[in-house]
All heavy atoms as atom14 arrays in JSON, in Angstrom:
{
  "sequence": "KHATHLYNAMSGFHHRDLGAAGAVLYLKDFSAEIIADGVHVH",
  "atom14_mask": [
    [1, 1, 1, 1, 1, 1, 1, 1, 1, 0, 0, 0, 0, 0],
    [1, 1, 1, 1, 1, 1, 1, 1, 1, 1, 0, 0, 0, 0],
    [1, 1, 1, 1, 1, 0, 0, 0, 0, 0, 0, 0, 0, 0],
    [1, 1, 1, 1, 1, 1, 1, 0, 0, 0, 0, 0, 0, 0],
    [1, 1, 1, 1, 1, 1, 1, 1, 1, 1, 0, 0, 0, 0],
    [1, 1, 1, 1, 1, 1, 1, 1, 0, 0, 0, 0, 0, 0],
    [1, 1, 1, 1, 1, 1, 1, 1, 1, 1, 1, 1, 0, 0],
    [1, 1, 1, 1, 1, 1, 1, 1, 0, 0, 0, 0, 0, 0],
    [1, 1, 1, 1, 1, 0, 0, 0, 0, 0, 0, 0, 0, 0],
    [1, 1, 1, 1, 1, 1, 1, 1, 0, 0, 0, 0, 0, 0],
    [1, 1, 1, 1, 1, 1, 0, 0, 0, 0, 0, 0, 0, 0],
    [1, 1, 1, 1, 0, 0, 0, 0, 0, 0, 0, 0, 0, 0],
    [1, 1, 1, 1, 1, 1, 1, 1, 1, 1, 1, 0, 0, 0],
    [1, 1, 1, 1, 1, 1, 1, 1, 1, 1, 0, 0, 0, 0],
    [1, 1, 1, 1, 1, 1, 1, 1, 1, 1, 0, 0, 0, 0],
    [1, 1, 1, 1, 1, 1, 1, 1, 1, 1, 1, 0, 0, 0],
    [1, 1, 1, 1, 1, 1, 1, 1, 0, 0, 0, 0, 0, 0],
    [1, 1, 1, 1, 1, 1, 1, 1, 0, 0, 0, 0, 0, 0],
    [1, 1, 1, 1, 0, 0, 0, 0, 0, 0, 0, 0, 0, 0],
    [1, 1, 1, 1, 1, 0, 0, 0, 0, 0, 0, 0, 0, 0],
    [1, 1, 1, 1, 1, 0, 0, 0, 0, 0, 0, 0, 0, 0],
    [1, 1, 1, 1, 0, 0, 0, 0, 0, 0, 0, 0, 0, 0],
    [1, 1, 1, 1, 1, 0, 0, 0, 0, 0, 0, 0, 0, 0],
    [1, 1, 1, 1, 1, 1, 1, 0, 0, 0, 0, 0, 0, 0],
    [1, 1, 1, 1, 1, 1, 1, 1, 0, 0, 0, 0, 0, 0],
    [1, 1, 1, 1, 1, 1, 1, 1, 1, 1, 1, 1, 0, 0],
    [1, 1, 1, 1, 1, 1, 1, 1, 0, 0, 0, 0, 0, 0],
    [1, 1, 1, 1, 1, 1, 1, 1, 1, 0, 0, 0, 0, 0],
    [1, 1, 1, 1, 1, 1, 1, 1, 0, 0, 0, 0, 0, 0],
    [1, 1, 1, 1, 1, 1, 1, 1, 1, 1, 1, 0, 0, 0],
    [1, 1, 1, 1, 1, 1, 0, 0, 0, 0, 0, 0, 0, 0],
    [1, 1, 1, 1, 1, 0, 0, 0, 0, 0, 0, 0, 0, 0],
    [1, 1, 1, 1, 1, 1, 1, 1, 1, 0, 0, 0, 0, 0],
    [1, 1, 1, 1, 1, 1, 1, 1, 0, 0, 0, 0, 0, 0],
    [1, 1, 1, 1, 1, 1, 1, 1, 0, 0, 0, 0, 0, 0],
    [1, 1, 1, 1, 1, 0, 0, 0, 0, 0, 0, 0, 0, 0],
    [1, 1, 1, 1, 1, 1, 1, 1, 0, 0, 0, 0, 0, 0],
    [1, 1, 1, 1, 0, 0, 0, 0, 0, 0, 0, 0, 0, 0],
    [1, 1, 1, 1, 1, 1, 1, 0, 0, 0, 0, 0, 0, 0],
    [1, 1, 1, 1, 1, 1, 1, 1, 1, 1, 0, 0, 0, 0],
    [1, 1, 1, 1, 1, 1, 1, 0, 0, 0, 0, 0, 0, 0],
    [1, 1, 1, 1, 1, 1, 1, 1, 1, 1, 0, 0, 0, 0]
  ],
  "atom14_positions": [
    [[5.2, -1.53, -3.94], [6.2, -0.41, -4.08], [5.67, 0.93, -3.58], [6.09, 1.95, -4.0], [6.6, -0.32, -5.54], [7.28, -1.58, -6.05], [7.8, -1.41, -7.45], [8.49, -2.67, -7.96], [9.03, -2.54, -9.33], [0.0, 0.0, 0.0], [0.0, 0.0, 0.0], [0.0, 0.0, 0.0], [0.0, 0.0, 0.0], [0.0, 0.0, 0.0]],
    [[4.73, 0.87, -2.58], [4.31, 2.06, -1.96], [4.1, 1.82, -0.51], [3.71, 0.73, -0.1], [2.96, 2.55, -2.59], [2.48, 3.86, -2.05], [3.17, 5.04, -2.19], [1.3, 4.13, -1.38], [2.48, 6.03, -1.67], [1.36, 5.52, -1.12], [0.0, 0.0, 0.0], [0.0, 0.0, 0.0], [0.0, 0.0, 0.0], [0.0, 0.0, 0.0]],
    [[4.4, 2.87, 0.32], [4.34, 2.66, 1.81], [3.3, 3.57, 2.41], [3.17, 4.77, 2.09], [5.69, 2.96, 2.47], [0.0, 0.0, 0.0], [0.0, 0.0, 0.0], [0.0, 0.0, 0.0], [0.0, 0.0, 0.0], [0.0, 0.0, 0.0], [0.0, 0.0, 0.0], [0.0, 0.0, 0.0], [0.0, 0.0, 0.0], [0.0, 0.0, 0.0]],
    [[2.52, 3.02, 3.34], [1.57, 3.79, 4.17], [2.3, 4.53, 5.25], [3.06, 4.0, 5.99], [0.52, 2.83, 4.75], [-0.18, 2.17, 3.7], [-0.46, 3.57, 5.66], [0.0, 0.0, 0.0], [0.0, 0.0, 0.0], [0.0, 0.0, 0.0], [0.0, 0.0, 0.0], [0.0, 0.0, 0.0], [0.0, 0.0, 0.0], [0.0, 0.0, 0.0]],
    [[1.98, 5.83, 5.37], [2.61, 6.77, 6.34], [3.95, 6.27, 6.87], [4.11, 5.73, 7.95], [1.69, 7.15, 7.45], [0.92, 6.02, 8.17], [1.53, 4.86, 8.7], [-0.4, 5.89, 8.42], [0.61, 4.11, 9.24], [-0.6, 4.7, 9.06], [0.0, 0.0, 0.0], [0.0, 0.0, 0.0], [0.0, 0.0, 0.0], [0.0, 0.0, 0.0]],
    [[4.95, 6.49, 6.02], [6.34, 6.07, 6.31], [6.77, 6.45, 7.71], [6.48, 7.55, 8.23], [7.3, 6.73, 5.28], [8.74, 6.44, 5.41], [9.07, 4.94, 5.27], [9.54, 7.25, 4.41], [0.0, 0.0, 0.0], [0.0, 0.0, 0.0], [0.0, 0.0, 0.0], [0.0, 0.0, 0.0], [0.0, 0.0, 0.0], [0.0, 0.0, 0.0]],
    [[7.51, 5.55, 8.35], [8.05, 5.67, 9.72], [7.04, 5.27, 10.78], [7.44, 4.65, 11.82], [8.56, 7.03, 10.03], [9.59, 7.61, 9.06], [9.32, 8.76, 8.28], [10.83, 7.0, 8.88], [10.23, 9.25, 7.43], [11.78, 7.53, 8.01], [11.49, 8.64, 7.29], [12.38, 9.19, 6.42], [0.0, 0.0, 0.0], [0.0, 0.0, 0.0]],
    [[5.78, 5.63, 10.58], [4.76, 5.35, 11.58], [4.13, 3.9, 11.38], [3.83, 3.54, 10.26], [3.63, 6.4, 11.58], [4.14, 7.77, 11.86], [4.09, 8.66, 11.02], [4.77, 7.96, 13.03], [0.0, 0.0, 0.0], [0.0, 0.0, 0.0], [0.0, 0.0, 0.0], [0.0, 0.0, 0.0], [0.0, 0.0, 0.0], [0.0, 0.0, 0.0]],
    [[4.05, 3.18, 12.49], [3.49, 1.84, 12.49], [4.25, 0.92, 11.57], [3.65, 0.1, 10.85], [1.97, 1.87, 12.1], [0.0, 0.0, 0.0], [0.0, 0.0, 0.0], [0.0, 0.0, 0.0], [0.0, 0.0, 0.0], [0.0, 0.0, 0.0], [0.0, 0.0, 0.0], [0.0, 0.0, 0.0], [0.0, 0.0, 0.0], [0.0, 0.0, 0.0]],
    [[5.56, 0.92, 11.63], [6.35, -0.01, 10.92], [7.74, -0.16, 11.58], [8.18, 0.71, 12.36], [6.54, 0.43, 9.44], [7.33, 1.72, 9.23], [7.56, 2.08, 7.46], [5.9, 2.14, 6.83], [0.0, 0.0, 0.0], [0.0, 0.0, 0.0], [0.0, 0.0, 0.0], [0.0, 0.0, 0.0], [0.0, 0.0, 0.0], [0.0, 0.0, 0.0]],
    [[8.42, -1.24, 11.3], [9.7, -1.48, 11.9], [10.69, -0.48, 11.38], [10.72, -0.08, 10.2], [10.2, -2.93, 11.49], [10.11, -3.1, 10.11], [0.0, 0.0, 0.0], [0.0, 0.0, 0.0], [0.0, 0.0, 0.0], [0.0, 0.0, 0.0], [0.0, 0.0, 0.0], [0.0, 0.0, 0.0], [0.0, 0.0, 0.0], [0.0, 0.0, 0.0]],
    [[11.44, 0.08, 12.33], [12.36, 1.17, 11.96], [13.65, 0.79, 11.4], [14.05, -0.4, 11.33], [0.0, 0.0, 0.0], [0.0, 0.0, 0.0], [0.0, 0.0, 0.0], [0.0, 0.0, 0.0], [0.0, 0.0, 0.0], [0.0, 0.0, 0.0], [0.0, 0.0, 0.0], [0.0, 0.0, 0.0], [0.0, 0.0, 0.0], [0.0, 0.0, 0.0]],
    [[14.42, 1.75, 10.98], [15.75, 1.58, 10.43], [16.74, 1.14, 11.51], [16.78, 1.79, 12.54], [16.16, 2.91, 9.76], [17.5, 2.82, 9.03], [17.48, 2.78, 7.59], [18.71, 2.84, 9.67], [18.68, 2.75, 6.91], [19.89, 2.79, 8.98], [19.9, 2.74, 7.58], [0.0, 0.0, 0.0], [0.0, 0.0, 0.0], [0.0, 0.0, 0.0]],
    [[17.51, 0.12, 11.23], [18.55, -0.32, 12.21], [19.78, -0.69, 11.41], [19.62, -1.26, 10.28], [18.02, -1.49, 13.05], [18.96, -1.85, 14.19], [20.07, -2.67, 14.03], [19.02, -1.46, 15.5], [20.68, -2.79, 15.18], [20.05, -2.06, 16.1], [0.0, 0.0, 0.0], [0.0, 0.0, 0.0], [0.0, 0.0, 0.0], [0.0, 0.0, 0.0]],
    [[20.95, -0.51, 11.92], [22.18, -0.76, 11.16], [22.37, -2.24, 10.9], [23.13, -2.63, 10.0], [23.4, -0.15, 11.88], [23.74, -0.8, 13.17], [23.0, -0.51, 14.37], [24.68, -1.69, 13.52], [23.53, -1.19, 15.36], [24.51, -1.93, 14.87], [0.0, 0.0, 0.0], [0.0, 0.0, 0.0], [0.0, 0.0, 0.0], [0.0, 0.0, 0.0]],
    [[21.71, -3.1, 11.65], [21.83, -4.54, 11.38], [20.66, -5.1, 10.52], [20.77, -6.24, 9.99], [21.87, -5.39, 12.69], [23.1, -5.0, 13.56], [23.31, -6.05, 14.65], [24.38, -5.6, 15.57], [25.62, -5.63, 15.35], [26.11, -6.17, 14.2], [26.52, -5.28, 16.24], [0.0, 0.0, 0.0], [0.0, 0.0, 0.0], [0.0, 0.0, 0.0]],
    [[19.63, -4.34, 10.38], [18.54, -4.74, 9.51], [17.75, -3.41, 9.15], [17.33, -2.69, 10.04], [17.6, -5.73, 10.22], [16.59, -6.35, 9.2], [15.94, -5.59, 8.46], [16.46, -7.58, 9.27], [0.0, 0.0, 0.0], [0.0, 0.0, 0.0], [0.0, 0.0, 0.0], [0.0, 0.0, 0.0], [0.0, 0.0, 0.0], [0.0, 0.0, 0.0]],
    [[17.66, -3.2, 7.85], [17.05, -1.96, 7.44], [15.61, -1.82, 7.89], [15.06, -0.71, 8.01], [17.06, -1.84, 5.88], [18.41, -1.53, 5.28], [18.36, -1.61, 3.78], [18.95, -0.24, 5.73], [0.0, 0.0, 0.0], [0.0, 0.0, 0.0], [0.0, 0.0, 0.0], [0.0, 0.0, 0.0], [0.0, 0.0, 0.0], [0.0, 0.0, 0.0]],
    [[14.96, -2.94, 8.18], [13.54, -2.91, 8.52], [12.67, -2.37, 7.45], [13.08, -2.17, 6.33], [0.0, 0.0, 0.0], [0.0, 0.0, 0.0], [0.0, 0.0, 0.0], [0.0, 0.0, 0.0], [0.0, 0.0, 0.0], [0.0, 0.0, 0.0], [0.0, 0.0, 0.0], [0.0, 0.0, 0.0], [0.0, 0.0, 0.0], [0.0, 0.0, 0.0]],
    [[11.38, -2.12, 7.78], [10.47, -1.61, 6.77], [10.81, -0.22, 6.33], [10.88, 0.12, 5.14], [9.04, -1.71, 7.26], [0.0, 0.0, 0.0], [0.0, 0.0, 0.0], [0.0, 0.0, 0.0], [0.0, 0.0, 0.0], [0.0, 0.0, 0.0], [0.0, 0.0, 0.0], [0.0, 0.0, 0.0], [0.0, 0.0, 0.0], [0.0, 0.0, 0.0]],
    [[11.05, 0.71, 7.27], [11.31, 2.09, 6.98], [12.6, 2.2, 6.21], [12.66, 2.93, 5.14], [11.44, 2.94, 8.24], [0.0, 0.0, 0.0], [0.0, 0.0, 0.0], [0.0, 0.0, 0.0], [0.0, 0.0, 0.0], [0.0, 0.0, 0.0], [0.0, 0.0, 0.0], [0.0, 0.0, 0.0], [0.0, 0.0, 0.0], [0.0, 0.0, 0.0]],
    [[13.59, 1.46, 6.59], [14.9, 1.52, 5.87], [14.8, 1.02, 4.45], [15.42, 1.54, 3.54], [0.0, 0.0, 0.0], [0.0, 0.0, 0.0], [0.0, 0.0, 0.0], [0.0, 0.0, 0.0], [0.0, 0.0, 0.0], [0.0, 0.0, 0.0], [0.0, 0.0, 0.0], [0.0, 0.0, 0.0], [0.0, 0.0, 0.0], [0.0, 0.0, 0.0]],
    [[13.99, -0.04, 4.27], [13.8, -0.57, 2.92], [13.14, 0.4, 1.99], [13.58, 0.56, 0.82], [12.96, -1.84, 2.98], [0.0, 0.0, 0.0], [0.0, 0.0, 0.0], [0.0, 0.0, 0.0], [0.0, 0.0, 0.0], [0.0, 0.0, 0.0], [0.0, 0.0, 0.0], [0.0, 0.0, 0.0], [0.0, 0.0, 0.0], [0.0, 0.0, 0.0]],
    [[12.17, 1.09, 2.49], [11.48, 2.15, 1.66], [12.45, 3.25, 1.29], [12.47, 3.71, 0.14], [10.29, 2.76, 2.4], [9.68, 3.88, 1.66], [9.25, 1.67, 2.72], [0.0, 0.0, 0.0], [0.0, 0.0, 0.0], [0.0, 0.0, 0.0], [0.0, 0.0, 0.0], [0.0, 0.0, 0.0], [0.0, 0.0, 0.0], [0.0, 0.0, 0.0]],
    [[13.31, 3.64, 2.23], [14.29, 4.63, 1.9], [15.33, 4.21, 0.93], [15.74, 4.96, 0.03], [14.95, 5.13, 3.21], [14.09, 5.84, 4.22], [14.85, 6.08, 5.51], [13.54, 7.15, 3.73], [0.0, 0.0, 0.0], [0.0, 0.0, 0.0], [0.0, 0.0, 0.0], [0.0, 0.0, 0.0], [0.0, 0.0, 0.0], [0.0, 0.0, 0.0]],
    [[15.77, 2.96, 1.06], [16.81, 2.4, 0.24], [16.41, 2.15, -1.2], [17.17, 2.35, -2.16], [17.39, 1.17, 0.9], [18.43, 0.44, 0.14], [19.75, 1.03, 0.01], [18.24, -0.81, -0.45], [20.73, 0.43, -0.7], [19.22, -1.43, -1.17], [20.49, -0.81, -1.29], [21.5, -1.46, -2.01], [0.0, 0.0, 0.0], [0.0, 0.0, 0.0]],
    [[15.21, 1.65, -1.41], [14.66, 1.26, -2.69], [14.15, 2.48, -3.39], [13.07, 3.02, -3.03], [13.59, 0.16, -2.6], [14.08, -1.12, -1.92], [12.93, -2.02, -1.55], [15.03, -1.84, -2.8], [0.0, 0.0, 0.0], [0.0, 0.0, 0.0], [0.0, 0.0, 0.0], [0.0, 0.0, 0.0], [0.0, 0.0, 0.0], [0.0, 0.0, 0.0]],
    [[14.87, 3.0, -4.41], [14.6, 4.31, -4.99], [13.22, 4.48, -5.55], [12.59, 5.54, -5.43], [15.67, 4.6, -6.08], [17.1, 4.71, -5.54], [17.25, 5.86, -4.59], [18.66, 6.05, -4.16], [18.88, 7.15, -3.14], [0.0, 0.0, 0.0], [0.0, 0.0, 0.0], [0.0, 0.0, 0.0], [0.0, 0.0, 0.0], [0.0, 0.0, 0.0]],
    [[12.67, 3.49, -6.19], [11.35, 3.62, -6.81], [10.17, 3.25, -5.89], [9.05, 3.16, -6.34], [11.27, 2.81, -8.12], [11.48, 1.35, -7.9], [12.08, 0.9, -6.87], [11.0, 0.54, -8.77], [0.0, 0.0, 0.0], [0.0, 0.0, 0.0], [0.0, 0.0, 0.0], [0.0, 0.0, 0.0], [0.0, 0.0, 0.0], [0.0, 0.0, 0.0]],
    [[10.52, 3.04, -4.6], [9.45, 2.78, -3.58], [8.92, 4.16, -3.15], [9.66, 4.97, -2.64], [10.07, 2.1, -2.34], [9.14, 1.12, -1.67], [9.4, -0.23, -1.67], [8.0, 1.57, -1.09], [8.61, -1.19, -1.02], [7.12, 0.68, -0.43], [7.47, -0.72, -0.41], [0.0, 0.0, 0.0], [0.0, 0.0, 0.0], [0.0, 0.0, 0.0]],
    [[7.65, 4.41, -3.47], [7.04, 5.68, -3.08], [6.51, 5.56, -1.67], [6.3, 4.49, -1.11], [5.89, 6.03, -4.03], [4.94, 5.0, -4.13], [0.0, 0.0, 0.0], [0.0, 0.0, 0.0], [0.0, 0.0, 0.0], [0.0, 0.0, 0.0], [0.0, 0.0, 0.0], [0.0, 0.0, 0.0], [0.0, 0.0, 0.0], [0.0, 0.0, 0.0]],
    [[6.28, 6.73, -1.04], [5.89, 6.71, 0.36], [4.98, 7.86, 0.74], [5.19, 8.98, 0.25], [7.15, 6.73, 1.24], [0.0, 0.0, 0.0], [0.0, 0.0, 0.0], [0.0, 0.0, 0.0], [0.0, 0.0, 0.0], [0.0, 0.0, 0.0], [0.0, 0.0, 0.0], [0.0, 0.0, 0.0], [0.0, 0.0, 0.0], [0.0, 0.0, 0.0]],
    [[4.02, 7.57, 1.61], [3.24, 8.62, 2.21], [3.99, 9.17, 3.41], [4.85, 8.52, 4.0], [1.93, 8.1, 2.73], [1.06, 7.45, 1.66], [-0.21, 6.77, 2.25], [-0.22, 6.64, 3.47], [-1.05, 6.39, 1.47], [0.0, 0.0, 0.0], [0.0, 0.0, 0.0], [0.0, 0.0, 0.0], [0.0, 0.0, 0.0], [0.0, 0.0, 0.0]],
    [[3.69, 10.45, 3.8], [4.33, 11.08, 4.91], [3.25, 11.96, 5.63], [2.53, 12.71, 5.01], [5.58, 11.89, 4.6], [6.36, 12.25, 5.83], [5.23, 13.11, 3.74], [7.12, 11.13, 6.35], [0.0, 0.0, 0.0], [0.0, 0.0, 0.0], [0.0, 0.0, 0.0], [0.0, 0.0, 0.0], [0.0, 0.0, 0.0], [0.0, 0.0, 0.0]],
    [[3.15, 11.77, 6.95], [2.27, 12.62, 7.76], [3.11, 13.8, 8.2], [3.95, 13.72, 9.12], [1.74, 11.9, 8.99], [1.04, 10.56, 8.65], [0.77, 12.78, 9.79], [0.68, 9.72, 9.75], [0.0, 0.0, 0.0], [0.0, 0.0, 0.0], [0.0, 0.0, 0.0], [0.0, 0.0, 0.0], [0.0, 0.0, 0.0], [0.0, 0.0, 0.0]],
    [[2.89, 14.96, 7.55], [3.76, 16.12, 7.75], [3.18, 17.07, 8.77], [3.01, 18.27, 8.54], [3.99, 16.84, 6.47], [0.0, 0.0, 0.0], [0.0, 0.0, 0.0], [0.0, 0.0, 0.0], [0.0, 0.0, 0.0], [0.0, 0.0, 0.0], [0.0, 0.0, 0.0], [0.0, 0.0, 0.0], [0.0, 0.0, 0.0], [0.0, 0.0, 0.0]],
    [[2.86, 16.54, 9.98], [2.34, 17.47, 11.05], [3.48, 17.91, 12.0], [3.2, 18.74, 12.88], [1.23, 16.83, 11.8], [1.59, 15.55, 12.56], [2.75, 15.15, 12.46], [0.68, 14.95, 13.22], [0.0, 0.0, 0.0], [0.0, 0.0, 0.0], [0.0, 0.0, 0.0], [0.0, 0.0, 0.0], [0.0, 0.0, 0.0], [0.0, 0.0, 0.0]],
    [[4.68, 17.4, 11.82], [5.78, 17.81, 12.69], [5.76, 16.99, 14.0], [6.73, 17.2, 14.77], [0.0, 0.0, 0.0], [0.0, 0.0, 0.0], [0.0, 0.0, 0.0], [0.0, 0.0, 0.0], [0.0, 0.0, 0.0], [0.0, 0.0, 0.0], [0.0, 0.0, 0.0], [0.0, 0.0, 0.0], [0.0, 0.0, 0.0], [0.0, 0.0, 0.0]],
    [[4.81, 16.14, 14.21], [4.78, 15.39, 15.47], [4.9, 13.95, 15.19], [5.74, 13.25, 15.78], [3.4, 15.63, 16.2], [3.32, 14.79, 17.46], [3.27, 17.11, 16.52], [0.0, 0.0, 0.0], [0.0, 0.0, 0.0], [0.0, 0.0, 0.0], [0.0, 0.0, 0.0], [0.0, 0.0, 0.0], [0.0, 0.0, 0.0], [0.0, 0.0, 0.0]],
    [[4.1, 13.36, 14.24], [4.2, 12.0, 13.89], [5.64, 11.7, 13.31], [6.13, 10.6, 13.53], [3.15, 11.65, 12.81], [1.84, 11.3, 13.46], [0.97, 12.34, 13.82], [1.19, 10.17, 13.76], [-0.14, 11.75, 14.31], [0.0, 10.48, 14.3], [0.0, 0.0, 0.0], [0.0, 0.0, 0.0], [0.0, 0.0, 0.0], [0.0, 0.0, 0.0]],
    [[6.17, 12.65, 12.6], [7.5, 12.54, 12.04], [8.26, 13.83, 12.2], [7.74, 14.94, 11.92], [7.48, 12.17, 10.5], [8.89, 12.03, 9.99], [6.69, 10.91, 10.27], [0.0, 0.0, 0.0], [0.0, 0.0, 0.0], [0.0, 0.0, 0.0], [0.0, 0.0, 0.0], [0.0, 0.0, 0.0], [0.0, 0.0, 0.0], [0.0, 0.0, 0.0]],
    [[9.46, 13.76, 12.79], [10.2, 15.0, 13.06], [10.44, 15.77, 11.76], [10.7, 15.14, 10.73], [11.54, 14.68, 13.7], [12.3, 15.84, 14.2], [13.02, 16.67, 13.43], [12.42, 16.3, 15.52], [13.56, 17.62, 14.16], [13.21, 17.38, 15.43], [0.0, 0.0, 0.0], [0.0, 0.0, 0.0], [0.0, 0.0, 0.0], [0.0, 0.0, 0.0]]
  ]
}
């Protein structure tokens, strides 16, 4: 129930399959790391 640097190095959100990133966003109690340098993630 925890994600390593969300969005980076994982399958992305797609409308036909949430993928890893989408699952983390959708599941409310799934916690997530974020690399907040403004480059790795907008």
